[in-house]
N, C-alpha and C. Protein backbone atom coordinates (compact mmCIF):
# COMPACT_ATOMS: atom_id res chain seq x y z
N MET A 1 12.37 10.17 2.73
CA MET A 1 11.79 9.05 1.99
C MET A 1 10.56 9.54 1.24
N LYS A 2 10.45 9.19 -0.04
CA LYS A 2 9.28 9.55 -0.82
C LYS A 2 8.28 8.42 -0.80
N LEU A 3 7.04 8.77 -0.49
CA LEU A 3 5.97 7.78 -0.46
C LEU A 3 4.99 8.07 -1.58
N ALA A 4 4.47 7.03 -2.18
CA ALA A 4 3.48 7.22 -3.22
C ALA A 4 2.26 7.88 -2.63
N ARG A 5 1.54 8.66 -3.44
CA ARG A 5 0.34 9.36 -2.96
C ARG A 5 -0.69 8.37 -2.49
N THR A 6 -0.84 7.26 -3.18
CA THR A 6 -1.81 6.25 -2.79
C THR A 6 -1.13 4.90 -2.79
N LEU A 7 -1.13 4.23 -1.66
CA LEU A 7 -0.53 2.91 -1.58
C LEU A 7 -1.62 1.86 -1.73
N PRO A 8 -1.40 0.84 -2.54
CA PRO A 8 -2.38 -0.26 -2.61
C PRO A 8 -2.56 -0.86 -1.24
N LEU A 9 -3.75 -1.43 -1.01
CA LEU A 9 -4.05 -1.98 0.30
C LEU A 9 -3.07 -3.06 0.70
N MET A 10 -2.67 -3.90 -0.25
CA MET A 10 -1.76 -4.98 0.09
C MET A 10 -0.41 -4.41 0.54
N THR A 11 0.06 -3.32 -0.11
CA THR A 11 1.31 -2.70 0.28
C THR A 11 1.17 -2.11 1.67
N LEU A 12 0.07 -1.43 1.91
CA LEU A 12 -0.17 -0.83 3.21
C LEU A 12 -0.28 -1.91 4.28
N ALA A 13 -0.93 -3.00 3.96
CA ALA A 13 -1.05 -4.09 4.93
C ALA A 13 0.32 -4.63 5.29
N GLY A 14 1.22 -4.67 4.31
CA GLY A 14 2.56 -5.16 4.57
C GLY A 14 3.33 -4.26 5.53
N MET A 15 3.02 -2.97 5.53
CA MET A 15 3.68 -2.04 6.43
C MET A 15 3.20 -2.19 7.86
N LEU A 16 1.97 -2.68 8.01
CA LEU A 16 1.37 -2.74 9.34
C LEU A 16 1.86 -3.97 10.09
N THR A 17 3.11 -3.95 10.46
CA THR A 17 3.74 -5.03 11.19
C THR A 17 3.97 -4.58 12.61
N ILE A 18 3.42 -5.30 13.57
CA ILE A 18 3.52 -4.90 14.96
C ILE A 18 4.66 -5.65 15.64
N ALA A 19 5.50 -4.90 16.36
CA ALA A 19 6.51 -5.52 17.21
C ALA A 19 5.90 -5.65 18.60
N VAL A 20 5.52 -6.86 18.96
CA VAL A 20 4.84 -7.07 20.23
C VAL A 20 5.86 -6.98 21.35
N SER A 21 5.63 -6.06 22.28
CA SER A 21 6.60 -5.87 23.36
C SER A 21 6.23 -6.61 24.63
N ALA A 22 4.93 -6.87 24.83
CA ALA A 22 4.51 -7.55 26.06
C ALA A 22 4.75 -9.04 25.92
N THR A 23 5.34 -9.65 26.93
CA THR A 23 5.61 -11.08 26.91
C THR A 23 5.06 -11.70 28.17
N GLN A 24 5.08 -13.02 28.20
CA GLN A 24 4.60 -13.72 29.39
C GLN A 24 5.42 -13.32 30.62
N ALA A 25 6.69 -12.92 30.42
CA ALA A 25 7.53 -12.57 31.55
C ALA A 25 7.24 -11.17 32.08
N GLY A 26 6.55 -10.35 31.28
CA GLY A 26 6.30 -8.98 31.72
C GLY A 26 4.92 -8.51 31.37
N LEU A 27 3.91 -9.21 31.82
CA LEU A 27 2.54 -8.82 31.53
C LEU A 27 2.18 -7.56 32.28
N PRO A 28 1.41 -6.65 31.64
CA PRO A 28 1.03 -5.42 32.32
C PRO A 28 0.17 -5.70 33.55
N GLN A 29 0.59 -5.20 34.69
CA GLN A 29 -0.10 -5.49 35.93
C GLN A 29 -1.50 -4.91 35.94
N THR A 30 -1.70 -3.77 35.27
CA THR A 30 -3.00 -3.12 35.30
C THR A 30 -4.04 -3.88 34.52
N ALA A 31 -3.64 -4.93 33.80
CA ALA A 31 -4.62 -5.71 33.05
C ALA A 31 -5.43 -6.61 33.96
N GLN A 32 -5.02 -6.75 35.22
CA GLN A 32 -5.75 -7.59 36.14
C GLN A 32 -6.94 -6.83 36.70
N ALA A 33 -8.03 -7.53 36.95
CA ALA A 33 -9.25 -6.90 37.42
C ALA A 33 -9.03 -6.31 38.80
N PRO A 34 -9.35 -5.01 38.97
CA PRO A 34 -9.19 -4.39 40.28
C PRO A 34 -10.29 -4.83 41.22
N ALA A 35 -9.99 -4.82 42.52
CA ALA A 35 -11.01 -5.16 43.50
C ALA A 35 -12.03 -4.05 43.58
N ALA A 36 -13.29 -4.43 43.75
CA ALA A 36 -14.39 -3.47 43.89
C ALA A 36 -14.37 -2.44 42.78
N ALA A 37 -14.28 -2.94 41.53
CA ALA A 37 -14.15 -2.05 40.39
C ALA A 37 -15.31 -1.07 40.29
N ALA A 38 -16.51 -1.50 40.65
CA ALA A 38 -17.67 -0.64 40.51
C ALA A 38 -17.57 0.60 41.39
N ALA A 39 -16.89 0.47 42.54
CA ALA A 39 -16.79 1.57 43.47
C ALA A 39 -15.52 2.38 43.26
N ALA A 40 -14.62 1.92 42.42
CA ALA A 40 -13.35 2.58 42.23
C ALA A 40 -13.53 3.86 41.41
N PRO A 41 -12.66 4.86 41.63
CA PRO A 41 -12.71 6.06 40.80
C PRO A 41 -12.31 5.73 39.37
N ASN A 42 -12.72 6.59 38.44
CA ASN A 42 -12.36 6.37 37.05
C ASN A 42 -10.84 6.42 36.90
N PRO A 43 -10.23 5.46 36.20
CA PRO A 43 -8.77 5.49 36.03
C PRO A 43 -8.33 6.75 35.27
N THR A 44 -7.12 7.20 35.56
CA THR A 44 -6.52 8.25 34.75
C THR A 44 -5.90 7.61 33.51
N VAL A 45 -5.71 8.40 32.46
CA VAL A 45 -5.07 7.91 31.24
C VAL A 45 -3.95 8.89 30.89
N GLY A 46 -2.73 8.38 30.91
CA GLY A 46 -1.58 9.25 30.68
C GLY A 46 -1.44 10.32 31.73
N GLY A 47 -1.96 10.05 32.93
CA GLY A 47 -1.90 11.02 34.02
C GLY A 47 -3.04 12.02 34.02
N ALA A 48 -3.89 11.97 33.00
CA ALA A 48 -5.01 12.91 32.89
C ALA A 48 -6.28 12.30 33.47
N ALA A 49 -7.04 13.10 34.19
CA ALA A 49 -8.32 12.64 34.73
C ALA A 49 -9.30 12.40 33.59
N MET A 50 -10.08 11.34 33.72
CA MET A 50 -11.10 11.01 32.74
C MET A 50 -12.48 11.21 33.38
N ASP A 51 -13.28 12.06 32.80
CA ASP A 51 -14.60 12.41 33.33
C ASP A 51 -15.65 11.46 32.76
N ALA A 52 -16.24 10.65 33.62
CA ALA A 52 -17.21 9.65 33.16
C ALA A 52 -18.48 10.27 32.60
N THR A 53 -18.66 11.58 32.78
CA THR A 53 -19.84 12.25 32.22
C THR A 53 -19.57 12.82 30.83
N LYS A 54 -18.34 12.66 30.35
CA LYS A 54 -17.97 13.18 29.02
C LYS A 54 -17.82 12.03 28.03
N PRO A 55 -18.00 12.30 26.71
CA PRO A 55 -17.90 11.24 25.71
C PRO A 55 -16.47 10.82 25.43
N ILE A 56 -16.35 9.70 24.74
CA ILE A 56 -15.05 9.11 24.44
C ILE A 56 -14.11 10.10 23.75
N ALA A 57 -14.61 10.80 22.74
CA ALA A 57 -13.75 11.71 21.97
C ALA A 57 -13.17 12.81 22.85
N GLU A 58 -13.98 13.35 23.75
CA GLU A 58 -13.52 14.45 24.60
C GLU A 58 -12.50 13.97 25.62
N ASN A 59 -12.73 12.84 26.24
CA ASN A 59 -11.76 12.32 27.19
C ASN A 59 -10.46 11.93 26.50
N ALA A 60 -10.55 11.30 25.33
CA ALA A 60 -9.34 10.91 24.61
C ALA A 60 -8.49 12.12 24.26
N ALA A 61 -9.14 13.22 23.90
CA ALA A 61 -8.41 14.44 23.55
C ALA A 61 -7.66 15.02 24.74
N ALA A 62 -8.09 14.67 25.96
CA ALA A 62 -7.44 15.18 27.16
C ALA A 62 -6.27 14.31 27.62
N ALA A 63 -6.12 13.13 27.01
CA ALA A 63 -5.08 12.18 27.44
C ALA A 63 -3.80 12.39 26.64
N PRO A 64 -2.69 12.74 27.28
CA PRO A 64 -1.46 13.01 26.54
C PRO A 64 -0.87 11.81 25.83
N ASN A 65 -1.25 10.60 26.24
CA ASN A 65 -0.71 9.40 25.59
C ASN A 65 -1.63 8.84 24.51
N LEU A 66 -2.69 9.59 24.16
CA LEU A 66 -3.60 9.15 23.09
C LEU A 66 -3.65 10.15 21.94
N THR A 67 -2.63 10.98 21.83
CA THR A 67 -2.65 12.04 20.80
C THR A 67 -2.63 11.47 19.38
N THR A 68 -1.89 10.39 19.16
CA THR A 68 -1.86 9.79 17.82
C THR A 68 -3.22 9.22 17.46
N LEU A 69 -3.86 8.56 18.41
CA LEU A 69 -5.19 8.01 18.17
C LEU A 69 -6.18 9.11 17.85
N VAL A 70 -6.13 10.22 18.57
CA VAL A 70 -7.06 11.32 18.32
C VAL A 70 -6.82 11.92 16.94
N SER A 71 -5.55 12.11 16.58
CA SER A 71 -5.24 12.63 15.24
C SER A 71 -5.76 11.70 14.15
N ALA A 72 -5.60 10.40 14.38
CA ALA A 72 -6.08 9.41 13.40
C ALA A 72 -7.60 9.44 13.32
N ALA A 73 -8.27 9.56 14.45
CA ALA A 73 -9.74 9.61 14.44
C ALA A 73 -10.25 10.85 13.71
N LYS A 74 -9.55 11.96 13.86
CA LYS A 74 -9.92 13.17 13.13
C LYS A 74 -9.75 12.96 11.63
N SER A 75 -8.64 12.36 11.23
CA SER A 75 -8.37 12.12 9.81
C SER A 75 -9.38 11.16 9.19
N ALA A 76 -9.89 10.23 10.00
CA ALA A 76 -10.86 9.25 9.51
C ALA A 76 -12.31 9.69 9.71
N ASP A 77 -12.50 10.93 10.16
CA ASP A 77 -13.84 11.47 10.41
C ASP A 77 -14.64 10.63 11.40
N LEU A 78 -13.98 10.20 12.48
CA LEU A 78 -14.65 9.38 13.48
C LEU A 78 -14.94 10.13 14.79
N ILE A 79 -14.53 11.39 14.87
CA ILE A 79 -14.75 12.15 16.10
C ILE A 79 -16.24 12.28 16.40
N ALA A 80 -17.04 12.55 15.38
CA ALA A 80 -18.49 12.69 15.60
C ALA A 80 -19.08 11.38 16.12
N THR A 81 -18.61 10.26 15.58
CA THR A 81 -19.09 8.95 16.03
C THR A 81 -18.73 8.72 17.50
N LEU A 82 -17.49 9.04 17.86
CA LEU A 82 -17.04 8.82 19.22
C LEU A 82 -17.58 9.86 20.20
N SER A 83 -18.24 10.87 19.67
CA SER A 83 -18.91 11.86 20.51
C SER A 83 -20.40 11.58 20.61
N GLY A 84 -20.89 10.63 19.81
CA GLY A 84 -22.31 10.33 19.74
C GLY A 84 -22.78 9.47 20.89
N PRO A 85 -24.05 9.05 20.85
CA PRO A 85 -24.63 8.33 21.98
C PRO A 85 -24.08 6.93 22.21
N GLY A 86 -23.61 6.27 21.12
CA GLY A 86 -23.08 4.91 21.30
C GLY A 86 -24.18 3.97 21.77
N PRO A 87 -23.90 3.13 22.77
CA PRO A 87 -22.61 3.07 23.47
C PRO A 87 -21.59 2.21 22.72
N TYR A 88 -20.32 2.48 23.02
CA TYR A 88 -19.23 1.75 22.39
C TYR A 88 -18.21 1.28 23.43
N THR A 89 -17.55 0.20 23.09
CA THR A 89 -16.35 -0.23 23.81
C THR A 89 -15.18 0.01 22.88
N VAL A 90 -14.21 0.82 23.32
CA VAL A 90 -13.06 1.16 22.48
C VAL A 90 -11.78 0.60 23.11
N PHE A 91 -11.05 -0.17 22.33
CA PHE A 91 -9.72 -0.62 22.73
C PHE A 91 -8.75 0.40 22.13
N ALA A 92 -8.28 1.33 22.95
CA ALA A 92 -7.57 2.51 22.48
C ALA A 92 -6.06 2.33 22.52
N PRO A 93 -5.40 2.22 21.36
CA PRO A 93 -3.94 2.10 21.36
C PRO A 93 -3.29 3.42 21.81
N ASP A 94 -2.31 3.33 22.67
CA ASP A 94 -1.62 4.54 23.10
C ASP A 94 -0.55 4.92 22.08
N ASN A 95 0.12 6.04 22.33
CA ASN A 95 1.12 6.52 21.38
C ASN A 95 2.23 5.51 21.16
N ASP A 96 2.66 4.83 22.21
CA ASP A 96 3.72 3.82 22.07
C ASP A 96 3.28 2.68 21.16
N ALA A 97 1.99 2.33 21.22
CA ALA A 97 1.48 1.26 20.36
C ALA A 97 1.63 1.64 18.89
N PHE A 98 1.26 2.87 18.55
CA PHE A 98 1.42 3.32 17.16
C PHE A 98 2.90 3.39 16.79
N GLY A 99 3.74 3.69 17.76
CA GLY A 99 5.18 3.77 17.49
C GLY A 99 5.81 2.43 17.17
N ARG A 100 5.12 1.33 17.52
CA ARG A 100 5.65 0.00 17.23
C ARG A 100 5.34 -0.46 15.81
N LEU A 101 4.51 0.28 15.10
CA LEU A 101 4.26 -0.07 13.71
C LEU A 101 5.50 0.20 12.87
N ALA A 102 5.54 -0.40 11.68
CA ALA A 102 6.69 -0.20 10.80
C ALA A 102 6.89 1.29 10.53
N PRO A 103 8.14 1.73 10.41
CA PRO A 103 8.42 3.15 10.18
C PRO A 103 7.64 3.71 8.98
N GLY A 104 7.04 4.86 9.16
CA GLY A 104 6.30 5.51 8.09
C GLY A 104 4.85 5.12 7.98
N THR A 105 4.44 4.09 8.74
CA THR A 105 3.07 3.59 8.61
C THR A 105 2.04 4.62 9.05
N VAL A 106 2.26 5.25 10.19
CA VAL A 106 1.29 6.21 10.70
C VAL A 106 1.14 7.38 9.73
N ASP A 107 2.27 7.94 9.27
CA ASP A 107 2.20 9.05 8.32
C ASP A 107 1.46 8.65 7.06
N THR A 108 1.68 7.42 6.62
CA THR A 108 1.01 6.94 5.41
C THR A 108 -0.49 6.79 5.64
N LEU A 109 -0.87 6.24 6.78
CA LEU A 109 -2.29 6.06 7.08
C LEU A 109 -3.02 7.40 7.18
N LEU A 110 -2.32 8.43 7.65
CA LEU A 110 -2.94 9.74 7.84
C LEU A 110 -3.11 10.52 6.54
N LYS A 111 -2.55 10.03 5.44
CA LYS A 111 -2.74 10.69 4.15
C LYS A 111 -4.20 10.58 3.71
N PRO A 112 -4.76 11.64 3.15
CA PRO A 112 -6.16 11.60 2.69
C PRO A 112 -6.46 10.44 1.76
N ALA A 113 -5.49 10.04 0.95
CA ALA A 113 -5.71 8.94 -0.01
C ALA A 113 -5.94 7.61 0.69
N ASN A 114 -5.50 7.50 1.94
CA ASN A 114 -5.64 6.23 2.67
C ASN A 114 -6.69 6.30 3.77
N LYS A 115 -7.61 7.24 3.63
CA LYS A 115 -8.63 7.46 4.65
C LYS A 115 -9.47 6.20 4.89
N ALA A 116 -9.83 5.49 3.84
CA ALA A 116 -10.66 4.29 4.00
C ALA A 116 -9.93 3.21 4.79
N SER A 117 -8.65 3.04 4.52
CA SER A 117 -7.86 2.04 5.26
C SER A 117 -7.72 2.44 6.72
N LEU A 118 -7.51 3.72 6.96
CA LEU A 118 -7.40 4.21 8.33
C LEU A 118 -8.69 3.98 9.09
N ALA A 119 -9.81 4.25 8.44
CA ALA A 119 -11.11 4.04 9.10
C ALA A 119 -11.31 2.56 9.43
N LYS A 120 -10.86 1.66 8.56
CA LYS A 120 -10.99 0.23 8.85
C LYS A 120 -10.16 -0.14 10.07
N VAL A 121 -8.94 0.37 10.14
CA VAL A 121 -8.07 0.06 11.28
C VAL A 121 -8.69 0.56 12.58
N LEU A 122 -9.17 1.79 12.57
CA LEU A 122 -9.71 2.38 13.80
C LEU A 122 -11.02 1.71 14.23
N THR A 123 -11.92 1.46 13.29
CA THR A 123 -13.19 0.84 13.68
C THR A 123 -13.01 -0.63 14.06
N TYR A 124 -11.85 -1.20 13.75
CA TYR A 124 -11.52 -2.55 14.20
C TYR A 124 -11.24 -2.57 15.70
N HIS A 125 -11.04 -1.39 16.30
CA HIS A 125 -10.79 -1.27 17.73
C HIS A 125 -12.06 -0.92 18.50
N ILE A 126 -13.21 -0.88 17.81
CA ILE A 126 -14.46 -0.48 18.44
C ILE A 126 -15.46 -1.63 18.38
N VAL A 127 -16.09 -1.92 19.51
CA VAL A 127 -17.10 -2.96 19.61
C VAL A 127 -18.41 -2.31 20.08
N PRO A 128 -19.54 -2.63 19.46
CA PRO A 128 -20.80 -2.04 19.91
C PRO A 128 -21.14 -2.47 21.33
N GLY A 129 -21.76 -1.57 22.09
CA GLY A 129 -22.17 -1.87 23.44
C GLY A 129 -21.07 -1.60 24.46
N ILE A 130 -21.38 -1.84 25.71
CA ILE A 130 -20.43 -1.64 26.80
C ILE A 130 -19.96 -3.00 27.31
N ILE A 131 -18.65 -3.24 27.18
CA ILE A 131 -18.07 -4.50 27.63
C ILE A 131 -16.96 -4.16 28.62
N THR A 132 -17.21 -4.42 29.89
CA THR A 132 -16.23 -4.12 30.93
C THR A 132 -15.24 -5.27 31.08
N LEU A 133 -14.25 -5.04 31.92
CA LEU A 133 -13.27 -6.09 32.20
C LEU A 133 -13.95 -7.31 32.80
N ASP A 134 -14.91 -7.07 33.69
CA ASP A 134 -15.64 -8.18 34.30
C ASP A 134 -16.44 -8.94 33.25
N ASP A 135 -17.05 -8.19 32.31
CA ASP A 135 -17.79 -8.84 31.23
C ASP A 135 -16.88 -9.75 30.41
N LEU A 136 -15.69 -9.25 30.08
CA LEU A 136 -14.73 -10.05 29.31
C LEU A 136 -14.34 -11.31 30.08
N THR A 137 -14.11 -11.14 31.38
CA THR A 137 -13.72 -12.28 32.21
C THR A 137 -14.82 -13.34 32.23
N GLN A 138 -16.06 -12.90 32.39
CA GLN A 138 -17.18 -13.84 32.43
C GLN A 138 -17.36 -14.53 31.08
N ARG A 139 -17.19 -13.80 30.00
CA ARG A 139 -17.32 -14.40 28.66
C ARG A 139 -16.23 -15.43 28.42
N MET A 140 -15.01 -15.13 28.88
CA MET A 140 -13.92 -16.09 28.70
C MET A 140 -14.17 -17.35 29.52
N LYS A 141 -14.68 -17.19 30.73
CA LYS A 141 -15.01 -18.37 31.54
C LYS A 141 -16.05 -19.22 30.84
N ALA A 142 -17.07 -18.56 30.30
CA ALA A 142 -18.13 -19.30 29.61
C ALA A 142 -17.63 -19.94 28.33
N GLY A 143 -16.60 -19.35 27.72
CA GLY A 143 -16.07 -19.87 26.46
C GLY A 143 -14.89 -20.80 26.64
N GLY A 144 -14.62 -21.23 27.86
CA GLY A 144 -13.52 -22.16 28.08
C GLY A 144 -12.15 -21.53 27.99
N GLY A 145 -12.07 -20.24 28.29
CA GLY A 145 -10.76 -19.58 28.29
C GLY A 145 -10.59 -18.52 27.24
N SER A 146 -11.55 -18.38 26.34
CA SER A 146 -11.45 -17.34 25.31
C SER A 146 -12.84 -16.90 24.89
N THR A 147 -12.89 -15.72 24.31
CA THR A 147 -14.14 -15.22 23.75
C THR A 147 -13.82 -14.45 22.49
N THR A 148 -14.82 -14.28 21.64
CA THR A 148 -14.65 -13.57 20.38
C THR A 148 -15.56 -12.36 20.36
N LEU A 149 -15.01 -11.21 19.95
CA LEU A 149 -15.77 -9.98 19.84
C LEU A 149 -15.88 -9.58 18.38
N THR A 150 -17.06 -9.19 17.95
CA THR A 150 -17.25 -8.68 16.58
C THR A 150 -17.18 -7.17 16.61
N THR A 151 -16.26 -6.61 15.85
CA THR A 151 -16.01 -5.17 15.88
C THR A 151 -16.94 -4.42 14.94
N VAL A 152 -16.94 -3.10 15.07
CA VAL A 152 -17.71 -2.25 14.16
C VAL A 152 -17.22 -2.43 12.72
N GLU A 153 -15.93 -2.69 12.57
CA GLU A 153 -15.36 -2.91 11.23
C GLU A 153 -15.92 -4.17 10.60
N GLY A 154 -16.37 -5.13 11.41
CA GLY A 154 -16.99 -6.34 10.89
C GLY A 154 -16.22 -7.62 11.17
N GLU A 155 -14.92 -7.49 11.38
CA GLU A 155 -14.12 -8.68 11.69
C GLU A 155 -14.01 -8.87 13.20
N THR A 156 -13.40 -9.96 13.60
CA THR A 156 -13.42 -10.33 15.01
C THR A 156 -12.07 -10.15 15.70
N LEU A 157 -12.13 -10.04 17.02
CA LEU A 157 -10.97 -10.08 17.90
C LEU A 157 -11.14 -11.25 18.85
N THR A 158 -10.06 -11.93 19.15
CA THR A 158 -10.10 -13.02 20.13
C THR A 158 -9.49 -12.53 21.43
N VAL A 159 -10.19 -12.78 22.53
CA VAL A 159 -9.74 -12.33 23.85
C VAL A 159 -9.42 -13.54 24.70
N THR A 160 -8.21 -13.54 25.29
CA THR A 160 -7.79 -14.60 26.20
C THR A 160 -7.20 -13.96 27.45
N ASN A 161 -6.81 -14.79 28.42
CA ASN A 161 -6.41 -14.27 29.72
C ASN A 161 -5.14 -14.96 30.23
N PRO A 162 -4.03 -14.90 29.47
CA PRO A 162 -2.81 -15.58 29.91
C PRO A 162 -2.18 -14.88 31.10
N GLY A 163 -1.91 -15.63 32.14
CA GLY A 163 -1.23 -15.07 33.30
C GLY A 163 -2.01 -14.00 34.02
N GLY A 164 -3.33 -13.94 33.80
CA GLY A 164 -4.15 -12.94 34.47
C GLY A 164 -4.30 -11.65 33.71
N ALA A 165 -3.62 -11.48 32.59
CA ALA A 165 -3.75 -10.27 31.78
C ALA A 165 -4.81 -10.49 30.70
N ILE A 166 -5.31 -9.39 30.14
CA ILE A 166 -6.27 -9.48 29.05
C ILE A 166 -5.52 -9.30 27.73
N LEU A 167 -5.54 -10.33 26.90
CA LEU A 167 -4.81 -10.33 25.64
C LEU A 167 -5.79 -10.34 24.47
N LEU A 168 -5.61 -9.39 23.56
CA LEU A 168 -6.39 -9.33 22.32
C LEU A 168 -5.53 -9.84 21.18
N THR A 169 -6.10 -10.68 20.34
CA THR A 169 -5.40 -11.18 19.16
C THR A 169 -6.23 -10.88 17.94
N ASP A 170 -5.63 -10.21 16.95
CA ASP A 170 -6.39 -9.84 15.76
C ASP A 170 -6.41 -10.97 14.73
N VAL A 171 -7.06 -10.75 13.61
CA VAL A 171 -7.22 -11.79 12.60
C VAL A 171 -5.91 -12.14 11.91
N ASN A 172 -4.88 -11.30 12.09
CA ASN A 172 -3.57 -11.58 11.51
C ASN A 172 -2.61 -12.22 12.51
N GLY A 173 -3.07 -12.40 13.75
CA GLY A 173 -2.23 -13.01 14.77
C GLY A 173 -1.44 -12.03 15.61
N ASN A 174 -1.59 -10.72 15.34
CA ASN A 174 -0.92 -9.71 16.16
C ASN A 174 -1.58 -9.65 17.53
N LYS A 175 -0.79 -9.32 18.55
CA LYS A 175 -1.28 -9.35 19.92
C LYS A 175 -1.18 -7.98 20.57
N SER A 176 -2.11 -7.70 21.46
CA SER A 176 -2.14 -6.43 22.19
C SER A 176 -2.72 -6.68 23.57
N TYR A 177 -2.06 -6.13 24.59
CA TYR A 177 -2.53 -6.30 25.96
C TYR A 177 -3.28 -5.07 26.46
N VAL A 178 -4.29 -5.31 27.26
CA VAL A 178 -4.99 -4.21 27.92
C VAL A 178 -4.11 -3.72 29.07
N GLU A 179 -3.82 -2.41 29.07
CA GLU A 179 -2.99 -1.82 30.12
C GLU A 179 -3.82 -1.05 31.15
N THR A 180 -4.83 -0.32 30.68
CA THR A 180 -5.71 0.43 31.59
C THR A 180 -7.15 0.09 31.23
N PRO A 181 -7.80 -0.76 32.02
CA PRO A 181 -9.17 -1.17 31.70
C PRO A 181 -10.22 -0.26 32.33
N ASP A 182 -11.44 -0.38 31.84
CA ASP A 182 -12.62 0.18 32.48
C ASP A 182 -12.55 1.68 32.72
N VAL A 183 -12.16 2.43 31.69
CA VAL A 183 -12.22 3.89 31.78
C VAL A 183 -13.62 4.30 31.32
N ARG A 184 -14.46 4.65 32.25
CA ARG A 184 -15.87 4.89 31.95
C ARG A 184 -16.06 6.21 31.20
N GLN A 185 -16.99 6.21 30.27
CA GLN A 185 -17.32 7.37 29.46
C GLN A 185 -18.84 7.54 29.47
N SER A 186 -19.33 8.71 29.06
CA SER A 186 -20.77 8.90 29.02
C SER A 186 -21.42 8.05 27.93
N ASN A 187 -20.63 7.67 26.92
CA ASN A 187 -21.16 6.88 25.80
C ASN A 187 -20.45 5.54 25.64
N GLY A 188 -19.93 5.01 26.74
CA GLY A 188 -19.31 3.69 26.64
C GLY A 188 -18.18 3.50 27.63
N VAL A 189 -17.21 2.70 27.20
CA VAL A 189 -16.05 2.41 28.05
C VAL A 189 -14.82 2.27 27.16
N VAL A 190 -13.67 2.69 27.69
CA VAL A 190 -12.40 2.61 26.97
C VAL A 190 -11.45 1.71 27.75
N HIS A 191 -10.75 0.85 27.01
CA HIS A 191 -9.65 0.06 27.57
C HIS A 191 -8.40 0.46 26.80
N VAL A 192 -7.42 1.04 27.46
CA VAL A 192 -6.19 1.45 26.78
C VAL A 192 -5.33 0.21 26.55
N VAL A 193 -4.83 0.04 25.31
CA VAL A 193 -4.05 -1.15 24.94
C VAL A 193 -2.69 -0.76 24.42
N ASN A 194 -1.76 -1.73 24.41
CA ASN A 194 -0.37 -1.43 24.05
C ASN A 194 0.02 -1.88 22.65
N GLY A 195 -0.93 -2.19 21.81
CA GLY A 195 -0.64 -2.57 20.43
C GLY A 195 -1.77 -2.17 19.50
N VAL A 196 -1.44 -1.93 18.24
CA VAL A 196 -2.45 -1.60 17.23
C VAL A 196 -2.93 -2.90 16.60
N LEU A 197 -4.23 -3.08 16.55
CA LEU A 197 -4.85 -4.27 15.97
C LEU A 197 -5.18 -4.01 14.50
N ILE A 198 -4.93 -5.00 13.66
CA ILE A 198 -5.04 -4.79 12.22
C ILE A 198 -6.03 -5.76 11.60
N PRO A 199 -7.05 -5.26 10.90
CA PRO A 199 -7.97 -6.16 10.18
C PRO A 199 -7.35 -6.60 8.87
N LYS A 200 -8.06 -7.42 8.13
CA LYS A 200 -7.62 -7.78 6.78
C LYS A 200 -7.82 -6.57 5.87
N LEU A 201 -6.76 -6.10 5.25
CA LEU A 201 -6.85 -4.90 4.41
C LEU A 201 -6.79 -5.20 2.92
N GLY A 202 -6.44 -6.42 2.57
CA GLY A 202 -6.31 -6.72 1.16
C GLY A 202 -7.17 -7.87 0.72
């Protein structure tokens, strides 16, 4: 398939269609708050140990199920940011999440001509400060069942808790569930999610 060197934002936005796989009948069990989370060891990601003394970029590079995210962060020149002091909360889509996008979308986003769009998508998954699973739960309780997070990209994510899972909904209505919460980093916290969240691109 031949792709244009530069796709207009509206065309690119049209490609970013997520097939949501998580349903009420099969919510990810790991999205539920673990008991004594503060005393628990750092979760593994993709079977790889995550060192809480290392920054987000370094730990992500060690996770075999975050290779697409790491490649995208490199293409968008975000590795230095994710290695910096932060702190940041990152909702990190795994490889399967990127695989649910429309065919060709990832390759298109990784083209140098679409660097700005890629950066918008990735920074839409980053929230300033450290927000743990417990923090999200408390915010949702205070908000009557939902809370809104303002991302580094500038737009918001809505967080709800259907069936005990943590559900993120983007400004386009796409949904993504937290699968592995509270992965501590030296410069923040990572929550691995099963869908790519999309800001307004056009």
